PDB file of N, CA and C in Angstrom:
ATOM      1  N   MET A   1      20.253 -19.207  -2.489  1.00  0.00           N
ATOM      2  CA  MET A   1      20.369 -17.882  -2.016  1.00  0.00           C
ATOM      3  C   MET A   1      19.007 -17.638  -1.311  1.00  0.00           C
ATOM      4  N   ALA A   2      18.927 -17.000  -0.040  1.00  0.00           N
ATOM      5  CA  ALA A   2      17.870 -16.736   0.790  1.00  0.00           C
ATOM      6  C   ALA A   2      17.490 -15.284   0.199  1.00  0.00           C
ATOM      7  N   VAL A   3      16.338 -15.052   0.244  1.00  0.00           N
ATOM      8  CA  VAL A   3      15.693 -13.357  -0.391  1.00  0.00           C
ATOM      9  C   VAL A   3      16.213 -12.559   1.113  1.00  0.00           C
ATOM     10  N   PRO A   4      16.304 -11.128   0.727  1.00  0.00           N
ATOM     11  CA  PRO A   4      16.579 -10.613   1.635  1.00  0.00           C
ATOM     12  C   PRO A   4      15.298 -10.245   2.751  1.00  0.00           C
ATOM     13  N   GLY A   5      14.165 -10.520   2.549  1.00  0.00           N
ATOM     14  CA  GLY A   5      12.950 -10.581   3.595  1.00  0.00           C
ATOM     15  C   GLY A   5      13.036 -11.955   4.281  1.00  0.00           C
ATOM     16  N   LEU A   6      13.658 -12.391   3.910  1.00  0.00           N
ATOM     17  CA  LEU A   6      13.513 -14.032   4.856  1.00  0.00           C
ATOM     18  C   LEU A   6      13.689 -14.265   6.589  1.00  0.00           C
ATOM     19  N   GLN A   7      14.487 -13.612   6.647  1.00  0.00           N
ATOM     20  CA  GLN A   7      14.718 -13.177   8.290  1.00  0.00           C
ATOM     21  C   GLN A   7      13.876 -12.870   8.905  1.00  0.00           C
ATOM     22  N   ASP A   8      13.210 -11.691   8.299  1.00  0.00           N
ATOM     23  CA  ASP A   8      11.643 -10.973   9.015  1.00  0.00           C
ATOM     24  C   ASP A   8      10.541 -11.748   8.702  1.00  0.00           C
ATOM     25  N   ASP A   9      10.419 -12.613   7.847  1.00  0.00           N
ATOM     26  CA  ASP A   9       9.452 -13.721   7.592  1.00  0.00           C
ATOM     27  C   ASP A   9       9.666 -14.719   8.428  1.00  0.00           C
ATOM     28  N   ILE A  10      10.640 -15.259   8.969  1.00  0.00           N
ATOM     29  CA  ILE A  10      10.900 -16.327   9.892  1.00  0.00           C
ATOM     30  C   ILE A  10      10.571 -15.738  11.350  1.00  0.00           C
ATOM     31  N   PHE A  11      11.108 -14.568  11.718  1.00  0.00           N
ATOM     32  CA  PHE A  11      10.521 -14.031  13.028  1.00  0.00           C
ATOM     33  C   PHE A  11       8.938 -13.841  13.089  1.00  0.00           C
ATOM     34  N   ALA A  12       8.938 -13.128  11.899  1.00  0.00           N
ATOM     35  CA  ALA A  12       7.309 -13.227  12.139  1.00  0.00           C
ATOM     36  C   ALA A  12       6.132 -14.620  12.314  1.00  0.00           C
ATOM     37  N   LEU A  13       7.031 -15.414  11.548  1.00  0.00           N
ATOM     38  CA  LEU A  13       6.334 -16.827  11.952  1.00  0.00           C
ATOM     39  C   LEU A  13       6.444 -17.770  13.076  1.00  0.00           C
ATOM     40  N   THR A  14       7.817 -17.549  13.655  1.00  0.00           N
ATOM     41  CA  THR A  14       7.637 -17.991  14.826  1.00  0.00           C
ATOM     42  C   THR A  14       7.042 -17.018  15.670  1.00  0.00           C
ATOM     43  N   ARG A  15       6.788 -16.062  15.759  1.00  0.00           N
ATOM     44  CA  ARG A  15       6.272 -15.078  16.767  1.00  0.00           C
ATOM     45  C   ARG A  15       4.728 -15.655  16.958  1.00  0.00           C
ATOM     46  N   LEU A  16       4.521 -15.750  15.560  1.00  0.00           N
ATOM     47  CA  LEU A  16       2.939 -15.876  15.052  1.00  0.00           C
ATOM     48  C   LEU A  16       2.298 -17.020  15.706  1.00  0.00           C
ATOM     49  N   PHE A  17       3.341 -18.315  15.583  1.00  0.00           N
ATOM     50  CA  PHE A  17       2.796 -19.719  16.100  1.00  0.00           C
ATOM     51  C   PHE A  17       3.668 -20.084  17.767  1.00  0.00           C
ATOM     52  N   SER A  18       3.864 -18.760  18.168  1.00  0.00           N
ATOM     53  CA  SER A  18       4.660 -18.950  19.613  1.00  0.00           C
ATOM     54  C   SER A  18       3.809 -19.711  21.020  1.00  0.00           C
ATOM     55  N   GLN A  19       2.390 -19.331  20.457  1.00  0.00           N
ATOM     56  CA  GLN A  19       1.522 -19.825  21.524  1.00  0.00           C
ATOM     57  C   GLN A  19       1.236 -21.318  21.480  1.00  0.00           C
ATOM     58  N   SER A  20       0.984 -22.165  22.805  1.00  0.00           N
ATOM     59  CA  SER A  20       0.866 -23.376  22.513  1.00  0.00           C
ATOM     60  C   SER A  20      -0.614 -23.985  21.968  1.00  0.00           C
ATOM     61  N   ALA A  21      -1.458 -22.606  21.868  1.00  0.00           N
ATOM     62  CA  ALA A  21      -3.049 -22.662  21.738  1.00  0.00           C
ATOM     63  C   ALA A  21      -3.399 -21.645  21.002  1.00  0.00           C
ATOM     64  N   PRO A  22      -4.216 -21.566  20.086  1.00  0.00           N
ATOM     65  CA  PRO A  22      -4.165 -20.394  19.401  1.00  0.00           C
ATOM     66  C   PRO A  22      -4.925 -19.303  19.714  1.00  0.00           C
ATOM     67  N   SER A  23      -5.306 -17.964  19.767  1.00  0.00           N
ATOM     68  CA  SER A  23      -5.950 -17.113  20.402  1.00  0.00           C
ATOM     69  C   SER A  23      -7.367 -17.151  19.657  1.00  0.00           C
ATOM     70  N   GLU A  24      -8.166 -16.696  20.785  1.00  0.00           N
ATOM     71  CA  GLU A  24      -9.552 -17.057  20.414  1.00  0.00           C
ATOM     72  C   GLU A  24     -10.443 -15.789  19.534  1.00  0.00           C
ATOM     73  N   ARG A  25     -10.641 -16.039  17.987  1.00  0.00           N
ATOM     74  CA  ARG A  25     -10.948 -14.656  17.368  1.00  0.00           C
ATOM     75  C   ARG A  25     -12.319 -14.630  17.130  1.00  0.00           C
ATOM     76  N   LEU A  26     -12.809 -13.835  17.562  1.00  0.00           N
ATOM     77  CA  LEU A  26     -15.096 -13.674  17.073  1.00  0.00           C
ATOM     78  C   LEU A  26     -14.907 -12.985  15.718  1.00  0.00           C
ATOM     79  N   ILE A  27     -15.148 -13.975  14.893  1.00  0.00           N
ATOM     80  CA  ILE A  27     -15.198 -13.632  13.233  1.00  0.00           C
ATOM     81  C   ILE A  27     -16.344 -12.820  12.828  1.00  0.00           C
ATOM     82  N   ARG A  28     -17.287 -13.834  13.243  1.00  0.00           N
ATOM     83  CA  ARG A  28     -18.847 -13.366  12.704  1.00  0.00           C
ATOM     84  C   ARG A  28     -19.849 -13.514  13.937  1.00  0.00           C
ATOM     85  N   GLY A  29     -20.240 -12.898  14.263  1.00  0.00           N
ATOM     86  CA  GLY A  29     -21.430 -12.557  15.349  1.00  0.00           C
ATOM     87  C   GLY A  29     -22.415 -13.453  15.102  1.00  0.00           C
ATOM     88  N   THR A  30     -23.199 -13.965  16.276  1.00  0.00           N
ATOM     89  CA  THR A  30     -24.405 -14.394  15.634  1.00  0.00           C
ATOM     90  C   THR A  30     -25.438 -13.515  15.892  1.00  0.00           C
ATOM     91  N   ALA A  31     -25.458 -12.386  16.614  1.00  0.00           N
ATOM     92  CA  ALA A  31     -26.653 -11.190  16.817  1.00  0.00           C
ATOM     93  C   ALA A  31     -25.924 -10.255  16.175  1.00  0.00           C
ATOM     94  N   ILE A  32     -26.250  -9.596  15.124  1.00  0.00           N
ATOM     95  CA  ILE A  32     -25.939  -8.562  14.547  1.00  0.00           C
ATOM     96  C   ILE A  32     -27.122  -7.399  14.638  1.00  0.00           C
ATOM     97  N   SER A  33     -26.911  -6.476  15.513  1.00  0.00           N
ATOM     98  CA  SER A  33     -27.607  -5.326  15.740  1.00  0.00           C
ATOM     99  C   SER A  33     -27.652  -3.868  14.540  1.00  0.00           C
ATOM    100  N   GLU A  34     -26.032  -4.152  14.675  1.00  0.00           N
ATOM    101  CA  GLU A  34     -26.127  -2.872  13.222  1.00  0.00           C
ATOM    102  C   GLU A  34     -25.098  -2.995  12.624  1.00  0.00           C
ATOM    103  N   ALA A  35     -24.972  -2.052  11.174  1.00  0.00           N
ATOM    104  CA  ALA A  35     -23.906  -2.398  10.606  1.00  0.00           C
ATOM    105  C   ALA A  35     -22.827  -0.709  10.484  1.00  0.00           C
ATOM    106  N   ARG A  36     -21.725  -0.698  10.589  1.00  0.00           N
ATOM    107  CA  ARG A  36     -21.244   0.204  10.975  1.00  0.00           C
ATOM    108  C   ARG A  36     -19.986   0.571   9.831  1.00  0.00           C
ATOM    109  N   TYR A  37     -19.916   1.953   9.307  1.00  0.00           N
ATOM    110  CA  TYR A  37     -19.134   1.770   8.099  1.00  0.00           C
ATOM    111  C   TYR A  37     -17.515   2.771   8.873  1.00  0.00           C
ATOM    112  N   GLY A  38     -16.611   2.335   8.080  1.00  0.00           N
ATOM    113  CA  GLY A  38     -15.507   3.361   8.053  1.00  0.00           C
ATOM    114  C   GLY A  38     -14.384   2.932   6.971  1.00  0.00           C
ATOM    115  N   PHE A  39     -13.550   4.116   7.405  1.00  0.00           N
ATOM    116  CA  PHE A  39     -12.413   3.919   6.086  1.00  0.00           C
ATOM    117  C   PHE A  39     -11.138   4.631   6.623  1.00  0.00           C
ATOM    118  N   GLY A  40      -9.989   4.131   6.078  1.00  0.00           N
ATOM    119  CA  GLY A  40      -8.849   4.367   6.133  1.00  0.00           C
ATOM    120  C   GLY A  40      -7.755   4.638   5.188  1.00  0.00           C
ATOM    121  N   ASP A  41      -7.279   5.756   5.455  1.00  0.00           N
ATOM    122  CA  ASP A  41      -5.999   5.934   4.693  1.00  0.00           C
ATOM    123  C   ASP A  41      -4.569   5.888   5.197  1.00  0.00           C
ATOM    124  N   ALA A  42      -3.426   5.403   4.317  1.00  0.00           N
ATOM    125  CA  ALA A  42      -2.491   5.388   5.236  1.00  0.00           C
ATOM    126  C   ALA A  42      -1.176   5.877   4.386  1.00  0.00           C
ATOM    127  N   SER A  43       0.072   6.396   4.578  1.00  0.00           N
ATOM    128  CA  SER A  43       0.893   7.065   3.596  1.00  0.00           C
ATOM    129  C   SER A  43       2.073   6.734   4.245  1.00  0.00           C
ATOM    130  N   GLN A  44       3.462   7.215   3.756  1.00  0.00           N
ATOM    131  CA  GLN A  44       4.664   6.925   4.190  1.00  0.00           C
ATOM    132  C   GLN A  44       4.902   8.207   5.515  1.00  0.00           C
ATOM    133  N   ALA A  45       3.917   9.096   5.470  1.00  0.00           N
ATOM    134  CA  ALA A  45       3.900  10.383   6.859  1.00  0.00           C
ATOM    135  C   ALA A  45       2.814   9.795   7.680  1.00  0.00           C
ATOM    136  N   GLY A  46       1.990   9.523   7.765  1.00  0.00           N
ATOM    137  CA  GLY A  46       0.781   9.131   8.680  1.00  0.00           C
ATOM    138  C   GLY A  46      -0.429   8.487   8.158  1.00  0.00           C
ATOM    139  N   PHE A  47      -1.424   8.089   9.126  1.00  0.00           N
ATOM    140  CA  PHE A  47      -2.537   7.620   9.152  1.00  0.00           C
ATOM    141  C   PHE A  47      -3.794   8.392   9.249  1.00  0.00           C
ATOM    142  N   ARG A  48      -5.002   7.973   9.027  1.00  0.00           N
ATOM    143  CA  ARG A  48      -6.295   8.096   9.618  1.00  0.00           C
ATOM    144  C   ARG A  48      -6.984   7.236   9.328  1.00  0.00           C
ATOM    145  N   ALA A  49      -7.958   7.114  10.091  1.00  0.00           N
ATOM    146  CA  ALA A  49      -9.209   6.423   9.917  1.00  0.00           C
ATOM    147  C   ALA A  49     -10.917   7.185  10.925  1.00  0.00           C
ATOM    148  N   LEU A  50     -11.740   6.894  10.111  1.00  0.00           N
ATOM    149  CA  LEU A  50     -12.982   7.382  10.480  1.00  0.00           C
ATOM    150  C   LEU A  50     -13.933   6.291  10.613  1.00  0.00           C
ATOM    151  N   TRP A  51     -14.821   6.241  11.274  1.00  0.00           N
ATOM    152  CA  TRP A  51     -16.137   5.275  12.134  1.00  0.00           C
ATOM    153  C   TRP A  51     -17.446   6.217  11.889  1.00  0.00           C
ATOM    154  N   ALA A  52     -18.343   5.498  11.048  1.00  0.00           N
ATOM    155  CA  ALA A  52     -19.819   6.263  11.487  1.00  0.00           C
ATOM    156  C   ALA A  52     -20.130   5.624  12.788  1.00  0.00           C
ATOM    157  N   ARG A  53     -20.572   5.940  13.918  1.00  0.00           N
ATOM    158  CA  ARG A  53     -21.136   5.332  15.212  1.00  0.00           C
ATOM    159  C   ARG A  53     -22.664   6.317  15.374  1.00  0.00           C
ATOM    160  N   THR A  54     -23.216   5.363  16.102  1.00  0.00           N
ATOM    161  CA  THR A  54     -24.363   6.113  16.630  1.00  0.00           C
ATOM    162  C   THR A  54     -24.165   7.235  17.822  1.00  0.00           C
ATOM    163  N   GLY A  55     -24.736   8.327  17.024  1.00  0.00           N
ATOM    164  CA  GLY A  55     -24.601   9.623  17.718  1.00  0.00           C
ATOM    165  C   GLY A  55     -23.146  10.491  17.089  1.00  0.00           C
ATOM    166  N   GLY A  56     -22.634   9.996  16.202  1.00  0.00           N
ATOM    167  CA  GLY A  56     -21.687  10.763  15.607  1.00  0.00           C
ATOM    168  C   GLY A  56     -20.804   9.999  14.857  1.00  0.00           C
ATOM    169  N   ILE A  57     -19.145  10.613  14.375  1.00  0.00           N
ATOM    170  CA  ILE A  57     -18.289   9.677  14.107  1.00  0.00           C
ATOM    171  C   ILE A  57     -16.672  10.137  14.927  1.00  0.00           C
ATOM    172  N   LYS A  58     -16.172   8.483  15.100  1.00  0.00           N
ATOM    173  CA  LYS A  58     -15.187   8.462  15.808  1.00  0.00           C
ATOM    174  C   LYS A  58     -13.828   8.822  14.698  1.00  0.00           C
ATOM    175  N   TYR A  59     -12.941   9.267  15.178  1.00  0.00           N
ATOM    176  CA  TYR A  59     -11.853   9.286  14.136  1.00  0.00           C
ATOM    177  C   TYR A  59     -10.635   9.126  14.953  1.00  0.00           C
ATOM    178  N   ARG A  60      -9.558   8.710  14.381  1.00  0.00           N
ATOM    179  CA  ARG A  60      -8.068   8.606  14.752  1.00  0.00           C
ATOM    180  C   ARG A  60      -7.083   8.927  13.718  1.00  0.00           C
ATOM    181  N   LEU A  61      -6.178   9.732  13.944  1.00  0.00           N
ATOM    182  CA  LEU A  61      -5.066   9.964  12.978  1.00  0.00           C
ATOM    183  C   LEU A  61      -3.803  10.448  13.644  1.00  0.00           C
ATOM    184  N   GLY A  62      -2.821  10.357  13.209  1.00  0.00           N
ATOM    185  CA  GLY A  62      -1.516  10.506  13.871  1.00  0.00           C
ATOM    186  C   GLY A  62      -0.141  10.063  12.757  1.00  0.00           C
ATOM    187  N   ILE A  63       0.919  10.237  13.225  1.00  0.00           N
ATOM    188  CA  ILE A  63       1.785  10.196  12.072  1.00  0.00           C
ATOM    189  C   ILE A  63       2.708   8.678  12.379  1.00  0.00           C
ATOM    190  N   TRP A  64       3.457   8.132  11.491  1.00  0.00           N
ATOM    191  CA  TRP A  64       4.002   6.661  11.965  1.00  0.00           C
ATOM    192  C   TRP A  64       5.369   7.647  12.692  1.00  0.00           C
ATOM    193  N   GLY A  65       5.765   6.312  13.152  1.00  0.00           N
ATOM    194  CA  GLY A  65       7.481   6.512  13.912  1.00  0.00           C
ATOM    195  C   GLY A  65       8.412   6.368  12.869  1.00  0.00           C
ATOM    196  N   LYS A  66       9.575   6.602  12.984  1.00  0.00           N
ATOM    197  CA  LYS A  66      10.588   6.183  12.411  1.00  0.00           C
ATOM    198  C   LYS A  66      10.748   5.050  11.577  1.00  0.00           C
ATOM    199  N   ASP A  67      10.218   4.027  12.401  1.00  0.00           N
ATOM    200  CA  ASP A  67      10.358   2.789  11.837  1.00  0.00           C
ATOM    201  C   ASP A  67       9.297   2.028  11.156  1.00  0.00           C
ATOM    202  N   GLU A  68       7.778   2.646  11.546  1.00  0.00           N
ATOM    203  CA  GLU A  68       6.708   2.347  10.660  1.00  0.00           C
ATOM    204  C   GLU A  68       7.136   2.938   9.694  1.00  0.00           C
ATOM    205  N   ALA A  69       7.063   4.207   9.515  1.00  0.00           N
ATOM    206  CA  ALA A  69       7.284   4.874   8.323  1.00  0.00           C
ATOM    207  C   ALA A  69       7.976   4.317   6.904  1.00  0.00           C
ATOM    208  N   GLU A  70       9.009   3.356   7.386  1.00  0.00           N
ATOM    209  CA  GLU A  70       9.896   2.676   6.550  1.00  0.00           C
ATOM    210  C   GLU A  70       9.116   1.489   5.767  1.00  0.00           C
ATOM    211  N   ASN A  71       8.043   1.289   6.825  1.00  0.00           N
ATOM    212  CA  ASN A  71       7.328  -0.331   5.899  1.00  0.00           C
ATOM    213  C   ASN A  71       6.491   0.201   4.545  1.00  0.00           C
ATOM    214  N   LEU A  72       6.428  -0.848   3.662  1.00  0.00           N
ATOM    215  CA  LEU A  72       5.631  -0.829   2.361  1.00  0.00           C
ATOM    216  C   LEU A  72       4.244   0.126   2.574  1.00  0.00           C
ATOM    217  N   SER A  73       4.084   0.533   1.644  1.00  0.00           N
ATOM    218  CA  SER A  73       2.609   1.404   1.813  1.00  0.00           C
ATOM    219  C   SER A  73       1.504   0.147   2.090  1.00  0.00           C
ATOM    220  N   ASN A  74       1.310  -0.902   1.416  1.00  0.00           N
ATOM    221  CA  ASN A  74       0.479  -2.147   1.470  1.00  0.00           C
ATOM    222  C   ASN A  74       0.339  -2.790   3.467  1.00  0.00           C
ATOM    223  N   TRP A  75       1.744  -2.491   4.138  1.00  0.00           N
ATOM    224  CA  TRP A  75       1.513  -2.786   5.214  1.00  0.00           C
ATOM    225  C   TRP A  75       1.221  -1.858   5.998  1.00  0.00           C
ATOM    226  N   GLN A  76       1.494  -0.643   5.768  1.00  0.00           N
ATOM    227  CA  GLN A  76       0.750   0.564   6.350  1.00  0.00           C
ATOM    228  C   GLN A  76      -0.568   1.035   6.485  1.00  0.00           C
ATOM    229  N   GLU A  77      -1.441   0.591   5.298  1.00  0.00           N
ATOM    230  CA  GLU A  77      -2.819   0.717   5.206  1.00  0.00           C
ATOM    231  C   GLU A  77      -3.630  -0.318   5.636  1.00  0.00           C
ATOM    232  N   LEU A  78      -3.037  -2.019   6.119  1.00  0.00           N
ATOM    233  CA  LEU A  78      -3.599  -2.998   6.561  1.00  0.00           C
ATOM    234  C   LEU A  78      -3.110  -2.544   8.214  1.00  0.00           C
ATOM    235  N   GLN A  79      -2.304  -2.015   8.454  1.00  0.00           N
ATOM    236  CA  GLN A  79      -1.517  -1.944   9.935  1.00  0.00           C
ATOM    237  C   GLN A  79      -2.734  -1.047  10.440  1.00  0.00           C
ATOM    238  N   ASN A  80      -2.835   0.258   9.713  1.00  0.00           N
ATOM    239  CA  ASN A  80      -3.753   1.369  10.080  1.00  0.00           C
ATOM    240  C   ASN A  80      -5.252   0.666  10.685  1.00  0.00           C
ATOM    241  N   LEU A  81      -5.978  -0.279   9.540  1.00  0.00           N
ATOM    242  CA  LEU A  81      -7.449  -0.407   9.570  1.00  0.00           C
ATOM    243  C   LEU A  81      -6.850  -1.734  10.989  1.00  0.00           C
ATOM    244  N   VAL A  82      -6.025  -2.441  10.950  1.00  0.00           N
ATOM    245  CA  VAL A  82      -6.105  -3.349  12.061  1.00  0.00           C
ATOM    246  C   VAL A  82      -6.018  -2.493  13.471  1.00  0.00           C
ATOM    247  N   ASP A  83      -5.239  -1.305  13.447  1.00  0.00           N
ATOM    248  CA  ASP A  83      -5.233  -0.929  15.126  1.00  0.00           C
ATOM    249  C   ASP A  83      -6.673   0.092  14.780  1.00  0.00           C
ATOM    250  N   ALA A  84      -7.164   0.405  13.627  1.00  0.00           N
ATOM    251  CA  ALA A  84      -8.198   1.014  13.734  1.00  0.00           C
ATOM    252  C   ALA A  84      -9.347   0.207  14.786  1.00  0.00           C
ATOM    253  N   LEU A  85      -9.242  -0.963  14.047  1.00  0.00           N
ATOM    254  CA  LEU A  85     -10.657  -1.804  14.611  1.00  0.00           C
ATOM    255  C   LEU A  85      -9.873  -2.399  16.282  1.00  0.00           C
ATOM    256  N   TRP A  86      -8.861  -2.642  16.366  1.00  0.00           N
ATOM    257  CA  TRP A  86      -8.428  -2.860  17.727  1.00  0.00           C
ATOM    258  C   TRP A  86      -9.190  -1.816  18.870  1.00  0.00           C
ATOM    259  N   GLU A  87      -8.649  -0.432  18.633  1.00  0.00           N
ATOM    260  CA  GLU A  87      -8.933   0.307  19.402  1.00  0.00           C
ATOM    261  C   GLU A  87     -10.713   0.382  19.680  1.00  0.00           C
ATOM    262  N   GLU A  88     -11.177   0.564  18.183  1.00  0.00           N
ATOM    263  CA  GLU A  88     -12.954   0.157  18.152  1.00  0.00           C
ATOM    264  C   GLU A  88     -13.260  -0.515  19.467  1.00  0.00           C
ATOM    265  N   SER A  89     -12.472  -1.944  19.502  1.00  0.00           N
ATOM    266  CA  SER A  89     -12.892  -3.317  20.133  1.00  0.00           C
ATOM    267  C   SER A  89     -12.640  -2.640  21.704  1.00  0.00           C
ATOM    268  N   LYS A  90     -11.740  -2.137  22.255  1.00  0.00           N
ATOM    269  CA  LYS A  90     -11.408  -2.072  23.209  1.00  0.00           C
ATOM    270  C   LYS A  90     -12.578  -1.581  24.070  1.00  0.00           C
ATOM    271  N   ASP A  91     -13.355  -0.403  23.917  1.00  0.00           N
ATOM    272  CA  ASP A  91     -14.395  -0.407  24.900  1.00  0.00           C
ATOM    273  C   ASP A  91     -15.658  -1.274  24.297  1.00  0.00           C
ATOM    274  N   GLY A  92     -15.641  -2.211  23.730  1.00  0.00           N
ATOM    275  CA  GLY A  92     -16.783  -2.814  23.129  1.00  0.00           C
ATOM    276  C   GLY A  92     -17.338  -2.103  22.009  1.00  0.00           C
ATOM    277  N   GLY A  93     -16.930  -1.601  21.947  1.00  0.00           N
ATOM    278  CA  GLY A  93     -17.524  -0.935  20.300  1.00  0.00           C
ATOM    279  C   GLY A  93     -17.866  -1.496  18.876  1.00  0.00           C
ATOM    280  N   LEU A  94     -17.492  -2.786  19.263  1.00  0.00           N
ATOM    281  CA  LEU A  94     -17.940  -3.542  18.037  1.00  0.00           C
ATOM    282  C   LEU A  94     -18.813  -4.947  18.436  1.00  0.00           C
ATOM    283  N   LYS A  95     -19.138  -4.908  19.533  1.00  0.00           N
ATOM    284  CA  LYS A  95     -20.258  -5.952  20.313  1.00  0.00           C
ATOM    285  C   LYS A  95     -21.616  -5.750  19.119  1.00  0.00           C
ATOM    286  N   GLY A  96     -22.091  -6.994  18.552  1.00  0.00           N
ATOM    287  CA  GLY A  96     -23.085  -7.065  17.822  1.00  0.00           C
ATOM    288  C   GLY A  96     -22.890  -5.986  16.988  1.00  0.00           C
ATOM    289  N   VAL A  97     -21.752  -5.692  16.130  1.00  0.00           N
ATOM    290  CA  VAL A  97     -22.130  -4.552  15.142  1.00  0.00           C
ATOM    291  C   VAL A  97     -21.041  -5.405  13.786  1.00  0.00           C
ATOM    292  N   GLU A  98     -21.614  -5.330  12.731  1.00  0.00           N
ATOM    293  CA  GLU A  98     -21.128  -5.998  11.538  1.00  0.00           C
ATOM    294  C   GLU A  98     -20.114  -4.636  10.757  1.00  0.00           C
ATOM    295  N   VAL A  99     -18.713  -4.979  10.602  1.00  0.00           N
ATOM    296  CA  VAL A  99     -18.015  -3.570  10.411  1.00  0.00           C
ATOM    297  C   VAL A  99     -17.847  -3.720   8.793  1.00  0.00           C
ATOM    298  N   PHE A 100     -18.256  -2.778   7.919  1.00  0.00           N
ATOM    299  CA  PHE A 100     -17.747  -2.623   6.602  1.00  0.00           C
ATOM    300  C   PHE A 100     -16.526  -1.348   6.795  1.00  0.00           C
ATOM    301  N   LEU A 101     -15.309  -2.108   6.120  1.00  0.00           N
ATOM    302  CA  LEU A 101     -14.275  -0.962   6.154  1.00  0.00           C
ATOM    303  C   LEU A 101     -13.576  -0.941   4.740  1.00  0.00           C
ATOM    304  N   PHE A 102     -13.187   0.443   4.365  1.00  0.00           N
ATOM    305  CA  PHE A 102     -13.088   1.027   2.962  1.00  0.00           C
ATOM    306  C   PHE A 102     -11.907   1.582   2.967  1.00  0.00           C
ATOM    307  N   THR A 103     -10.872   1.206   1.758  1.00  0.00           N
ATOM    308  CA  THR A 103      -9.429   2.077   1.785  1.00  0.00           C
ATOM    309  C   THR A 103      -9.379   2.074   0.285  1.00  0.00           C
ATOM    310  N   ASP A 104      -8.325   2.846   0.312  1.00  0.00           N
ATOM    311  CA  ASP A 104      -8.190   2.718  -1.209  1.00  0.00           C
ATOM    312  C   ASP A 104      -7.010   2.093  -2.031  1.00  0.00           C
ATOM    313  N   ASN A 105      -6.471   1.205  -1.152  1.00  0.00           N
ATOM    314  CA  ASN A 105      -5.333   0.049  -1.269  1.00  0.00           C
ATOM    315  C   ASN A 105      -5.869  -1.191  -1.607  1.00  0.00           C
ATOM    316  N   SER A 106      -5.683  -1.624  -2.868  1.00  0.00           N
ATOM    317  CA  SER A 106      -6.709  -2.811  -3.374  1.00  0.00           C
ATOM    318  C   SER A 106      -5.840  -4.095  -2.626  1.00  0.00           C
ATOM    319  N   THR A 107      -4.866  -3.691  -1.927  1.00  0.00           N
ATOM    320  CA  THR A 107      -4.225  -5.271  -1.199  1.00  0.00           C
ATOM    321  C   THR A 107      -4.781  -5.156  -0.002  1.00  0.00           C
ATOM    322  N   THR A 108      -4.637  -4.269   0.729  1.00  0.00           N
ATOM    323  CA  THR A 108      -5.710  -4.192   2.346  1.00  0.00           C
ATOM    324  C   THR A 108      -7.097  -4.938   1.734  1.00  0.00           C
TER     325      THR A 108
END
């Protein structure tokens, strides 16, 4: 007997392995010029994340849409941090940066 989440797991794995070659991801740079700290928190209602940057603090906050609000808190906590990292990387904000992220969720 299949467990209730099996269909979602199969869909996620199919999407994860759909490319013919894995995408390239920089995990640890060779030239680190600064360390940057940030933290995030998420709940059923919304999310927030803050980053210490040179010259100030950058933050993002919002409320989950209906689909995201129904996800488990572990998913919300991790998605919040992934989204914050993605936003920070868009303008080159993580080039040469070692990132330390903090949250109150031990699974994340």
